[in-house]
């Protein structure tokens, strides 16, 4: 099975993932500075049980259904199928996380994955710098490769008017919810429902990515690539399975990220529920996929050993 994210990146004769310049991205940076400053300064002054519950609930919905399932597993990797309407709804929820628009997320993700699959890549794409330096790079800057590949987004996405609208207005999508939260719960709901949610969600996403690209448990290795994926079991629940990043590097087209017995994957549980409701179907798992080039087992996972079934993850 050919990776959709691989097909979108067309390498040119001079394409390379190593040479590039990191530049400040003003709009993205000011967005994150504003959200983070509001969260740090105002959240302690306006904390209430209802506001904290709102933050937890909206974070779970947008990060699980929106980012993990809608943007990552569906829009980017096509590891499941859904109707056009439900796909757009999930993409909208993913946009509310506050990282970027849905089409921008696809481009950012696929460019990074292409770079990590090469023999060498820039330090930004490898998270190969200090913690604070990497935080600045990832959340406030952009990498301009000197010789990038050509990004070719499929027409079903590039011509989708809903996705294009979300791409153009992704920051403004917070405004209706900000007004609603202010009307219902006052300043506590506004602050915890928007800037706290955005700041914690985006910063947490970066931090997990930083850790899982630098070290940790690893059940798989992909030979010949610049960057390996690692797992972060302690964060598996709160990331809805995304912390099984070693598994994801091994089987990028799998809708199931916690593929070993005992590996917690709430995103997969949500997908099973959605499948029962007939909102999604054709969920991909490693046993249904061809191993990617260079994939090999490096050890049995600490959470348990697979027994019996003859699956490729055994």
C-alpha atoms as a PDB file:
ATOM      1  CA  UNK A   1       0.000   0.000   0.000  1.00  0.00           C
ATOM      2  CA  UNK A   2       1.493   3.359  -1.089  1.00  0.00           C
ATOM      3  CA  UNK A   3       1.459   6.087   1.553  1.00  0.00           C
ATOM      4  CA  UNK A   4      -0.809   8.992   0.634  1.00  0.00           C
ATOM      5  CA  UNK A   5       1.547  11.430   2.354  1.00  0.00           C
ATOM      6  CA  UNK A   6       4.436  10.005   0.315  1.00  0.00           C
ATOM      7  CA  UNK A   7       2.584  10.455  -2.978  1.00  0.00           C
ATOM      8  CA  UNK A   8       1.919  14.143  -2.238  1.00  0.00           C
ATOM      9  CA  UNK A   9       5.659  14.911  -2.018  1.00  0.00           C
ATOM     10  CA  UNK A  10       7.343  14.763  -5.434  1.00  0.00           C
ATOM     11  CA  UNK A  11      11.139  14.906  -5.160  1.00  0.00           C
ATOM     12  CA  UNK A  12      12.882  16.961  -7.825  1.00  0.00           C
ATOM     13  CA  UNK A  13      16.420  16.178  -9.080  1.00  0.00           C
ATOM     14  CA  UNK A  14      17.969  18.690  -6.660  1.00  0.00           C
ATOM     15  CA  UNK A  15      15.591  18.206  -3.717  1.00  0.00           C
ATOM     16  CA  UNK A  16      17.255  17.707  -0.361  1.00  0.00           C
ATOM     17  CA  UNK A  17      16.024  17.881   3.212  1.00  0.00           C
ATOM     18  CA  UNK A  18      19.219  19.216   4.772  1.00  0.00           C
ATOM     19  CA  UNK A  19      19.853  22.695   3.346  1.00  0.00           C
ATOM     20  CA  UNK A  20      17.496  25.388   4.537  1.00  0.00           C
ATOM     21  CA  UNK A  21      16.993  28.539   6.572  1.00  0.00           C
ATOM     22  CA  UNK A  22      14.817  28.919   9.661  1.00  0.00           C
ATOM     23  CA  UNK A  23      12.854  32.183   9.562  1.00  0.00           C
ATOM     24  CA  UNK A  24      10.526  33.810  12.054  1.00  0.00           C
ATOM     25  CA  UNK A  25       6.828  33.367  11.151  1.00  0.00           C
ATOM     26  CA  UNK A  26       5.228  36.576  12.511  1.00  0.00           C
ATOM     27  CA  UNK A  27       1.530  35.653  12.334  1.00  0.00           C
ATOM     28  CA  UNK A  28       2.022  32.197  13.832  1.00  0.00           C
ATOM     29  CA  UNK A  29       4.423  33.500  16.482  1.00  0.00           C
ATOM     30  CA  UNK A  30       2.224  36.397  17.610  1.00  0.00           C
ATOM     31  CA  UNK A  31      -0.748  34.012  17.746  1.00  0.00           C
ATOM     32  CA  UNK A  32       1.111  31.671  20.093  1.00  0.00           C
ATOM     33  CA  UNK A  33       2.585  34.505  22.186  1.00  0.00           C
ATOM     34  CA  UNK A  34      -0.874  36.020  22.639  1.00  0.00           C
ATOM     35  CA  UNK A  35      -2.556  32.747  23.554  1.00  0.00           C
ATOM     36  CA  UNK A  36       0.240  31.678  25.902  1.00  0.00           C
ATOM     37  CA  UNK A  37       0.470  35.068  27.615  1.00  0.00           C
ATOM     38  CA  UNK A  38      -3.296  35.200  28.149  1.00  0.00           C
ATOM     39  CA  UNK A  39      -3.242  31.680  29.580  1.00  0.00           C
ATOM     40  CA  UNK A  40      -0.330  32.320  31.945  1.00  0.00           C
ATOM     41  CA  UNK A  41      -1.484  35.731  33.171  1.00  0.00           C
ATOM     42  CA  UNK A  42      -5.263  35.409  33.255  1.00  0.00           C
ATOM     43  CA  UNK A  43      -6.019  31.725  33.909  1.00  0.00           C
ATOM     44  CA  UNK A  44      -4.915  31.829  37.599  1.00  0.00           C
ATOM     45  CA  UNK A  45      -7.116  34.901  38.141  1.00  0.00           C
ATOM     46  CA  UNK A  46     -10.247  33.395  36.601  1.00  0.00           C
ATOM     47  CA  UNK A  47     -10.157  29.749  37.598  1.00  0.00           C
ATOM     48  CA  UNK A  48     -13.468  28.060  38.452  1.00  0.00           C
ATOM     49  CA  UNK A  49     -14.501  24.382  38.448  1.00  0.00           C
ATOM     50  CA  UNK A  50     -16.812  24.986  35.486  1.00  0.00           C
ATOM     51  CA  UNK A  51     -14.072  26.710  33.485  1.00  0.00           C
ATOM     52  CA  UNK A  52     -11.596  23.894  34.112  1.00  0.00           C
ATOM     53  CA  UNK A  53     -14.220  21.310  33.134  1.00  0.00           C
ATOM     54  CA  UNK A  54     -14.899  23.275  29.945  1.00  0.00           C
ATOM     55  CA  UNK A  55     -11.164  23.279  29.137  1.00  0.00           C
ATOM     56  CA  UNK A  56     -10.878  19.533  29.688  1.00  0.00           C
ATOM     57  CA  UNK A  57     -13.996  18.735  27.651  1.00  0.00           C
ATOM     58  CA  UNK A  58     -13.237  20.989  24.687  1.00  0.00           C
ATOM     59  CA  UNK A  59      -9.597  19.885  24.652  1.00  0.00           C
ATOM     60  CA  UNK A  60     -10.599  16.224  24.543  1.00  0.00           C
ATOM     61  CA  UNK A  61     -13.082  16.765  21.707  1.00  0.00           C
ATOM     62  CA  UNK A  62     -10.826  18.909  19.538  1.00  0.00           C
ATOM     63  CA  UNK A  63      -7.607  16.966  20.134  1.00  0.00           C
ATOM     64  CA  UNK A  64      -9.104  13.480  19.844  1.00  0.00           C
ATOM     65  CA  UNK A  65     -11.862  13.773  17.248  1.00  0.00           C
ATOM     66  CA  UNK A  66     -10.378  16.799  15.500  1.00  0.00           C
ATOM     67  CA  UNK A  67      -6.603  16.569  15.460  1.00  0.00           C
ATOM     68  CA  UNK A  68      -5.811  12.894  16.043  1.00  0.00           C
ATOM     69  CA  UNK A  69      -8.676  11.331  14.069  1.00  0.00           C
ATOM     70  CA  UNK A  70      -9.836  14.065  11.691  1.00  0.00           C
ATOM     71  CA  UNK A  71      -6.566  15.659  10.605  1.00  0.00           C
ATOM     72  CA  UNK A  72      -3.890  13.056  11.336  1.00  0.00           C
ATOM     73  CA  UNK A  73      -5.421   9.635  10.784  1.00  0.00           C
ATOM     74  CA  UNK A  74      -8.019  10.664   8.176  1.00  0.00           C
ATOM     75  CA  UNK A  75      -7.036  13.767   6.208  1.00  0.00           C
ATOM     76  CA  UNK A  76      -3.278  13.179   6.229  1.00  0.00           C
ATOM     77  CA  UNK A  77      -2.844   9.400   6.216  1.00  0.00           C
ATOM     78  CA  UNK A  78      -6.208   8.153   4.885  1.00  0.00           C
ATOM     79  CA  UNK A  79      -6.116   5.279   7.347  1.00  0.00           C
ATOM     80  CA  UNK A  80      -9.939   5.178   7.461  1.00  0.00           C
ATOM     81  CA  UNK A  81     -12.909   6.380   5.441  1.00  0.00           C
ATOM     82  CA  UNK A  82     -15.783   8.725   6.269  1.00  0.00           C
ATOM     83  CA  UNK A  83     -18.458  10.612   4.398  1.00  0.00           C
ATOM     84  CA  UNK A  84     -17.489  14.007   3.010  1.00  0.00           C
ATOM     85  CA  UNK A  85     -19.708  15.782   5.518  1.00  0.00           C
ATOM     86  CA  UNK A  86     -18.343  13.968   8.550  1.00  0.00           C
ATOM     87  CA  UNK A  87     -14.776  14.432   7.298  1.00  0.00           C
ATOM     88  CA  UNK A  88     -15.364  18.188   7.099  1.00  0.00           C
ATOM     89  CA  UNK A  89     -16.801  18.207  10.620  1.00  0.00           C
ATOM     90  CA  UNK A  90     -13.728  16.415  11.972  1.00  0.00           C
ATOM     91  CA  UNK A  91     -11.451  18.794  10.049  1.00  0.00           C
ATOM     92  CA  UNK A  92     -13.315  21.732  11.620  1.00  0.00           C
ATOM     93  CA  UNK A  93     -12.764  20.297  15.100  1.00  0.00           C
ATOM     94  CA  UNK A  94      -9.080  19.822  14.251  1.00  0.00           C
ATOM     95  CA  UNK A  95      -8.847  23.437  13.114  1.00  0.00           C
ATOM     96  CA  UNK A  96     -10.177  24.544  16.515  1.00  0.00           C
ATOM     97  CA  UNK A  97      -7.044  23.094  18.161  1.00  0.00           C
ATOM     98  CA  UNK A  98      -5.342  26.263  16.920  1.00  0.00           C
ATOM     99  CA  UNK A  99      -2.204  24.910  15.227  1.00  0.00           C
ATOM    100  CA  UNK A 100      -2.993  25.760  11.588  1.00  0.00           C
ATOM    101  CA  UNK A 101      -5.665  25.302   8.964  1.00  0.00           C
ATOM    102  CA  UNK A 102      -6.436  21.776   7.709  1.00  0.00           C
ATOM    103  CA  UNK A 103      -4.602  22.137   4.382  1.00  0.00           C
ATOM    104  CA  UNK A 104      -1.660  23.812   6.084  1.00  0.00           C
ATOM    105  CA  UNK A 105      -1.499  20.927   8.555  1.00  0.00           C
ATOM    106  CA  UNK A 106      -1.335  18.432   5.683  1.00  0.00           C
ATOM    107  CA  UNK A 107       1.503  20.357   4.038  1.00  0.00           C
ATOM    108  CA  UNK A 108       3.472  20.827   7.270  1.00  0.00           C
ATOM    109  CA  UNK A 109       3.080  17.174   8.234  1.00  0.00           C
ATOM    110  CA  UNK A 110       3.959  15.766   4.806  1.00  0.00           C
ATOM    111  CA  UNK A 111       6.991  18.034   4.383  1.00  0.00           C
ATOM    112  CA  UNK A 112       8.309  16.976   7.774  1.00  0.00           C
ATOM    113  CA  UNK A 113       7.643  13.290   7.074  1.00  0.00           C
ATOM    114  CA  UNK A 114       9.343  13.512   3.688  1.00  0.00           C
ATOM    115  CA  UNK A 115      12.388  15.099   5.331  1.00  0.00           C
ATOM    116  CA  UNK A 116      12.538  12.488   8.083  1.00  0.00           C
ATOM    117  CA  UNK A 117      12.446   9.684   5.497  1.00  0.00           C
ATOM    118  CA  UNK A 118      15.615  10.963   3.807  1.00  0.00           C
ATOM    119  CA  UNK A 119      19.123   9.890   4.759  1.00  0.00           C
ATOM    120  CA  UNK A 120      19.759  13.351   6.262  1.00  0.00           C
ATOM    121  CA  UNK A 121      17.461  16.211   7.222  1.00  0.00           C
ATOM    122  CA  UNK A 122      17.564  19.653   8.811  1.00  0.00           C
ATOM    123  CA  UNK A 123      17.747  19.859  12.599  1.00  0.00           C
ATOM    124  CA  UNK A 124      14.292  21.478  12.755  1.00  0.00           C
ATOM    125  CA  UNK A 125      12.601  18.457  11.201  1.00  0.00           C
ATOM    126  CA  UNK A 126      14.576  16.145  13.492  1.00  0.00           C
ATOM    127  CA  UNK A 127      13.946  18.159  16.699  1.00  0.00           C
ATOM    128  CA  UNK A 128      17.734  18.004  16.977  1.00  0.00           C
ATOM    129  CA  UNK A 129      18.392  20.969  19.263  1.00  0.00           C
ATOM    130  CA  UNK A 130      17.817  22.058  22.864  1.00  0.00           C
ATOM    131  CA  UNK A 131      14.334  22.086  24.372  1.00  0.00           C
ATOM    132  CA  UNK A 132      13.776  25.853  24.370  1.00  0.00           C
ATOM    133  CA  UNK A 133      15.455  26.327  20.991  1.00  0.00           C
ATOM    134  CA  UNK A 134      13.234  23.646  19.484  1.00  0.00           C
ATOM    135  CA  UNK A 135      10.134  25.218  21.048  1.00  0.00           C
ATOM    136  CA  UNK A 136      10.995  28.527  19.352  1.00  0.00           C
ATOM    137  CA  UNK A 137      11.647  26.864  16.019  1.00  0.00           C
ATOM    138  CA  UNK A 138       8.554  24.656  15.994  1.00  0.00           C
ATOM    139  CA  UNK A 139       5.952  27.108  17.290  1.00  0.00           C
ATOM    140  CA  UNK A 140       7.279  30.470  16.117  1.00  0.00           C
ATOM    141  CA  UNK A 141       9.269  29.847  12.940  1.00  0.00           C
ATOM    142  CA  UNK A 142       9.190  28.111   9.565  1.00  0.00           C
ATOM    143  CA  UNK A 143      11.906  26.250   7.678  1.00  0.00           C
ATOM    144  CA  UNK A 144      12.530  27.329   4.099  1.00  0.00           C
ATOM    145  CA  UNK A 145      14.347  24.502   2.350  1.00  0.00           C
ATOM    146  CA  UNK A 146      16.766  25.621  -0.346  1.00  0.00           C
ATOM    147  CA  UNK A 147      15.683  22.753  -2.595  1.00  0.00           C
ATOM    148  CA  UNK A 148      12.298  21.444  -1.419  1.00  0.00           C
ATOM    149  CA  UNK A 149      10.242  18.740  -3.079  1.00  0.00           C
ATOM    150  CA  UNK A 150       7.063  19.679  -4.931  1.00  0.00           C
ATOM    151  CA  UNK A 151       3.945  19.394  -2.785  1.00  0.00           C
ATOM    152  CA  UNK A 152       0.958  18.178  -4.799  1.00  0.00           C
ATOM    153  CA  UNK A 153      -2.264  18.143  -2.802  1.00  0.00           C
ATOM    154  CA  UNK A 154      -4.979  15.939  -4.278  1.00  0.00           C
ATOM    155  CA  UNK A 155      -7.857  17.811  -5.914  1.00  0.00           C
ATOM    156  CA  UNK A 156     -10.499  16.389  -3.570  1.00  0.00           C
ATOM    157  CA  UNK A 157      -8.821  18.408  -0.796  1.00  0.00           C
ATOM    158  CA  UNK A 158      -7.518  21.440  -2.668  1.00  0.00           C
ATOM    159  CA  UNK A 159     -10.906  22.014  -4.353  1.00  0.00           C
ATOM    160  CA  UNK A 160     -12.985  21.498  -1.221  1.00  0.00           C
ATOM    161  CA  UNK A 161     -14.573  24.869  -0.456  1.00  0.00           C
ATOM    162  CA  UNK A 162     -15.115  24.068   3.232  1.00  0.00           C
ATOM    163  CA  UNK A 163     -11.487  23.109   3.768  1.00  0.00           C
ATOM    164  CA  UNK A 164     -10.293  26.158   1.854  1.00  0.00           C
ATOM    165  CA  UNK A 165     -12.517  28.388   3.996  1.00  0.00           C
ATOM    166  CA  UNK A 166     -11.166  26.829   7.195  1.00  0.00           C
ATOM    167  CA  UNK A 167      -7.625  27.286   5.891  1.00  0.00           C
ATOM    168  CA  UNK A 168      -8.168  30.998   5.255  1.00  0.00           C
ATOM    169  CA  UNK A 169      -9.921  31.649   8.568  1.00  0.00           C
ATOM    170  CA  UNK A 170      -8.378  29.171  10.987  1.00  0.00           C
ATOM    171  CA  UNK A 171      -7.508  31.758  13.643  1.00  0.00           C
ATOM    172  CA  UNK A 172     -10.899  33.456  13.355  1.00  0.00           C
ATOM    173  CA  UNK A 173     -12.685  30.145  13.992  1.00  0.00           C
ATOM    174  CA  UNK A 174     -12.058  30.719  17.715  1.00  0.00           C
ATOM    175  CA  UNK A 175     -14.181  33.890  17.756  1.00  0.00           C
ATOM    176  CA  UNK A 176     -17.706  32.385  17.721  1.00  0.00           C
ATOM    177  CA  UNK A 177     -16.750  30.050  20.555  1.00  0.00           C
ATOM    178  CA  UNK A 178     -15.090  32.872  22.486  1.00  0.00           C
ATOM    179  CA  UNK A 179     -18.301  34.920  22.294  1.00  0.00           C
ATOM    180  CA  UNK A 180     -20.430  31.919  23.283  1.00  0.00           C
ATOM    181  CA  UNK A 181     -18.209  31.063  26.252  1.00  0.00           C
ATOM    182  CA  UNK A 182     -18.170  34.701  27.389  1.00  0.00           C
ATOM    183  CA  UNK A 183     -21.956  34.868  27.196  1.00  0.00           C
ATOM    184  CA  UNK A 184     -22.524  31.585  29.051  1.00  0.00           C
ATOM    185  CA  UNK A 185     -19.755  31.594  31.654  1.00  0.00           C
ATOM    186  CA  UNK A 186     -18.138  35.005  31.635  1.00  0.00           C
ATOM    187  CA  UNK A 187     -14.397  35.620  31.613  1.00  0.00           C
ATOM    188  CA  UNK A 188     -13.479  32.275  33.264  1.00  0.00           C
ATOM    189  CA  UNK A 189     -15.107  30.308  30.438  1.00  0.00           C
ATOM    190  CA  UNK A 190     -13.661  32.595  27.780  1.00  0.00           C
ATOM    191  CA  UNK A 191     -10.101  32.325  29.106  1.00  0.00           C
ATOM    192  CA  UNK A 192     -10.098  28.587  29.821  1.00  0.00           C
ATOM    193  CA  UNK A 193     -12.151  27.738  26.744  1.00  0.00           C
ATOM    194  CA  UNK A 194      -9.923  29.507  24.203  1.00  0.00           C
ATOM    195  CA  UNK A 195      -6.405  30.730  25.141  1.00  0.00           C
ATOM    196  CA  UNK A 196      -5.736  28.063  27.787  1.00  0.00           C
ATOM    197  CA  UNK A 197      -7.016  25.314  25.499  1.00  0.00           C
ATOM    198  CA  UNK A 198      -5.023  26.551  22.494  1.00  0.00           C
ATOM    199  CA  UNK A 199      -1.805  27.252  24.414  1.00  0.00           C
ATOM    200  CA  UNK A 200      -1.800  23.922  26.271  1.00  0.00           C
ATOM    201  CA  UNK A 201      -2.851  21.907  23.208  1.00  0.00           C
ATOM    202  CA  UNK A 202      -0.290  23.355  20.812  1.00  0.00           C
ATOM    203  CA  UNK A 203       2.546  23.393  23.351  1.00  0.00           C
ATOM    204  CA  UNK A 204       1.754  19.841  24.426  1.00  0.00           C
ATOM    205  CA  UNK A 205       1.723  18.686  20.810  1.00  0.00           C
ATOM    206  CA  UNK A 206       5.174  20.185  20.269  1.00  0.00           C
ATOM    207  CA  UNK A 207       6.569  18.714  23.517  1.00  0.00           C
ATOM    208  CA  UNK A 208       5.414  15.172  22.733  1.00  0.00           C
ATOM    209  CA  UNK A 209       6.868  15.500  19.226  1.00  0.00           C
ATOM    210  CA  UNK A 210      10.171  16.738  20.639  1.00  0.00           C
ATOM    211  CA  UNK A 211      10.468  13.823  23.041  1.00  0.00           C
ATOM    212  CA  UNK A 212       9.304  11.060  20.680  1.00  0.00           C
ATOM    213  CA  UNK A 213      11.752  12.054  17.944  1.00  0.00           C
ATOM    214  CA  UNK A 214      14.776  12.080  20.251  1.00  0.00           C
ATOM    215  CA  UNK A 215      14.637   8.913  22.354  1.00  0.00           C
ATOM    216  CA  UNK A 216      12.604   6.468  24.399  1.00  0.00           C
ATOM    217  CA  UNK A 217      11.196   2.950  24.013  1.00  0.00           C
ATOM    218  CA  UNK A 218      11.294   1.677  20.461  1.00  0.00           C
ATOM    219  CA  UNK A 219       9.742  -1.506  19.112  1.00  0.00           C
ATOM    220  CA  UNK A 220      10.596  -0.750  15.492  1.00  0.00           C
ATOM    221  CA  UNK A 221      13.304   0.862  13.440  1.00  0.00           C
ATOM    222  CA  UNK A 222      13.216   2.098   9.852  1.00  0.00           C
ATOM    223  CA  UNK A 223      16.687   1.719   8.355  1.00  0.00           C
ATOM    224  CA  UNK A 224      18.070   4.399   6.056  1.00  0.00           C
ATOM    225  CA  UNK A 225      16.047   7.289   7.483  1.00  0.00           C
ATOM    226  CA  UNK A 226      17.274  10.453   9.182  1.00  0.00           C
ATOM    227  CA  UNK A 227      14.834  10.304  12.104  1.00  0.00           C
ATOM    228  CA  UNK A 228      13.413   7.428  14.108  1.00  0.00           C
ATOM    229  CA  UNK A 229      10.155   7.438  16.050  1.00  0.00           C
ATOM    230  CA  UNK A 230       9.977   6.504  19.725  1.00  0.00           C
ATOM    231  CA  UNK A 231       7.133   5.817  22.142  1.00  0.00           C
ATOM    232  CA  UNK A 232       6.142   7.806  25.219  1.00  0.00           C
ATOM    233  CA  UNK A 233       3.885   5.426  27.186  1.00  0.00           C
ATOM    234  CA  UNK A 234       3.260   7.905  30.019  1.00  0.00           C
ATOM    235  CA  UNK A 235       1.498  10.269  27.592  1.00  0.00           C
ATOM    236  CA  UNK A 236      -0.499   7.665  25.655  1.00  0.00           C
ATOM    237  CA  UNK A 237      -3.828   8.438  27.341  1.00  0.00           C
ATOM    238  CA  UNK A 238      -3.693  12.232  27.290  1.00  0.00           C
ATOM    239  CA  UNK A 239      -2.511  12.256  23.640  1.00  0.00           C
ATOM    240  CA  UNK A 240      -5.288   9.835  22.586  1.00  0.00           C
ATOM    241  CA  UNK A 241      -2.710   7.311  21.366  1.00  0.00           C
ATOM    242  CA  UNK A 242      -0.478   9.756  19.463  1.00  0.00           C
ATOM    243  CA  UNK A 243       2.407   9.134  21.894  1.00  0.00           C
ATOM    244  CA  UNK A 244       2.940   5.674  20.327  1.00  0.00           C
ATOM    245  CA  UNK A 245       5.067   7.475  17.778  1.00  0.00           C
ATOM    246  CA  UNK A 246       7.462   4.614  17.201  1.00  0.00           C
ATOM    247  CA  UNK A 247       4.505   2.526  16.071  1.00  0.00           C
ATOM    248  CA  UNK A 248       3.356   5.378  13.838  1.00  0.00           C
ATOM    249  CA  UNK A 249       6.724   5.660  12.110  1.00  0.00           C
ATOM    250  CA  UNK A 250       6.601   1.909  11.512  1.00  0.00           C
ATOM    251  CA  UNK A 251       2.993   1.799  10.257  1.00  0.00           C
ATOM    252  CA  UNK A 252       2.037   5.358   9.217  1.00  0.00           C
ATOM    253  CA  UNK A 253      -1.150   4.268   7.421  1.00  0.00           C
ATOM    254  CA  UNK A 254      -2.553   2.428  10.456  1.00  0.00           C
ATOM    255  CA  UNK A 255      -5.611   3.981  12.106  1.00  0.00           C
ATOM    256  CA  UNK A 256      -4.625   2.114  15.249  1.00  0.00           C
ATOM    257  CA  UNK A 257      -1.577   3.628  16.964  1.00  0.00           C
ATOM    258  CA  UNK A 258      -1.477   1.474  20.105  1.00  0.00           C
ATOM    259  CA  UNK A 259      -0.930  -1.715  18.132  1.00  0.00           C
ATOM    260  CA  UNK A 260       0.560  -3.910  20.852  1.00  0.00           C
ATOM    261  CA  UNK A 261      -1.405  -5.571  23.662  1.00  0.00           C
ATOM    262  CA  UNK A 262      -1.654  -3.207  26.620  1.00  0.00           C
ATOM    263  CA  UNK A 263      -0.958  -0.044  24.620  1.00  0.00           C
ATOM    264  CA  UNK A 264      -3.638   2.526  25.458  1.00  0.00           C
ATOM    265  CA  UNK A 265      -5.112   4.230  22.394  1.00  0.00           C
ATOM    266  CA  UNK A 266      -8.245   6.290  23.181  1.00  0.00           C
ATOM    267  CA  UNK A 267      -8.315   7.541  19.592  1.00  0.00           C
ATOM    268  CA  UNK A 268      -8.762   3.955  18.427  1.00  0.00           C
ATOM    269  CA  UNK A 269     -11.521   3.410  20.987  1.00  0.00           C
ATOM    270  CA  UNK A 270     -13.281   6.488  19.609  1.00  0.00           C
ATOM    271  CA  UNK A 271     -12.920   5.121  16.074  1.00  0.00           C
ATOM    272  CA  UNK A 272     -14.472   1.809  17.093  1.00  0.00           C
ATOM    273  CA  UNK A 273     -17.422   3.709  18.559  1.00  0.00           C
ATOM    274  CA  UNK A 274     -17.759   5.815  15.407  1.00  0.00           C
ATOM    275  CA  UNK A 275     -17.646   2.649  13.310  1.00  0.00           C
ATOM    276  CA  UNK A 276     -20.510   1.194  15.343  1.00  0.00           C
ATOM    277  CA  UNK A 277     -22.449   4.366  14.535  1.00  0.00           C
ATOM    278  CA  UNK A 278     -21.513   3.867  10.841  1.00  0.00           C
ATOM    279  CA  UNK A 279     -19.803   7.256  10.695  1.00  0.00           C
ATOM    280  CA  UNK A 280     -16.429   5.765   9.700  1.00  0.00           C
ATOM    281  CA  UNK A 281     -15.371   2.512   8.067  1.00  0.00           C
ATOM    282  CA  UNK A 282     -12.400   0.642   6.530  1.00  0.00           C
ATOM    283  CA  UNK A 283     -10.156   1.196   9.562  1.00  0.00           C
ATOM    284  CA  UNK A 284      -6.621   0.153   8.651  1.00  0.00           C
ATOM    285  CA  UNK A 285      -4.399  -1.910  10.965  1.00  0.00           C
ATOM    286  CA  UNK A 286      -0.831  -3.202  10.481  1.00  0.00           C
ATOM    287  CA  UNK A 287      -1.980  -6.711   9.488  1.00  0.00           C
ATOM    288  CA  UNK A 288      -3.736  -5.141   6.476  1.00  0.00           C
ATOM    289  CA  UNK A 289      -0.702  -3.118   5.337  1.00  0.00           C
ATOM    290  CA  UNK A 290       2.556  -3.791   3.546  1.00  0.00           C
ATOM    291  CA  UNK A 291       5.610  -3.034   5.722  1.00  0.00           C
ATOM    292  CA  UNK A 292       7.432   0.121   4.687  1.00  0.00           C
ATOM    293  CA  UNK A 293      10.916  -0.213   3.218  1.00  0.00           C
ATOM    294  CA  UNK A 294      13.621  -0.737   5.831  1.00  0.00           C
ATOM    295  CA  UNK A 295      11.224  -1.647   8.652  1.00  0.00           C
ATOM    296  CA  UNK A 296      12.511  -4.115  11.218  1.00  0.00           C
ATOM    297  CA  UNK A 297      11.766  -5.182  14.768  1.00  0.00           C
ATOM    298  CA  UNK A 298      14.317  -4.031  17.330  1.00  0.00           C
ATOM    299  CA  UNK A 299      12.723  -5.520  20.457  1.00  0.00           C
ATOM    300  CA  UNK A 300       9.484  -6.805  21.897  1.00  0.00           C
ATOM    301  CA  UNK A 301       7.417  -4.017  23.479  1.00  0.00           C
ATOM    302  CA  UNK A 302       7.643  -3.604  27.248  1.00  0.00           C
ATOM    303  CA  UNK A 303       3.857  -3.484  27.613  1.00  0.00           C
ATOM    304  CA  UNK A 304       3.390  -7.078  26.539  1.00  0.00           C
ATOM    305  CA  UNK A 305       4.103  -9.685  23.891  1.00  0.00           C
ATOM    306  CA  UNK A 306       1.778 -10.548  21.083  1.00  0.00           C
ATOM    307  CA  UNK A 307       0.557 -14.111  21.057  1.00  0.00           C
ATOM    308  CA  UNK A 308      -0.579 -16.303  18.301  1.00  0.00           C
ATOM    309  CA  UNK A 309      -2.352 -14.494  15.526  1.00  0.00           C
ATOM    310  CA  UNK A 310       0.465 -14.241  12.972  1.00  0.00           C
ATOM    311  CA  UNK A 311      -0.029 -10.496  12.484  1.00  0.00           C
ATOM    312  CA  UNK A 312       2.860  -8.532  11.024  1.00  0.00           C
ATOM    313  CA  UNK A 313       3.273  -6.773  14.353  1.00  0.00           C
ATOM    314  CA  UNK A 314       4.215 -10.040  16.026  1.00  0.00           C
END
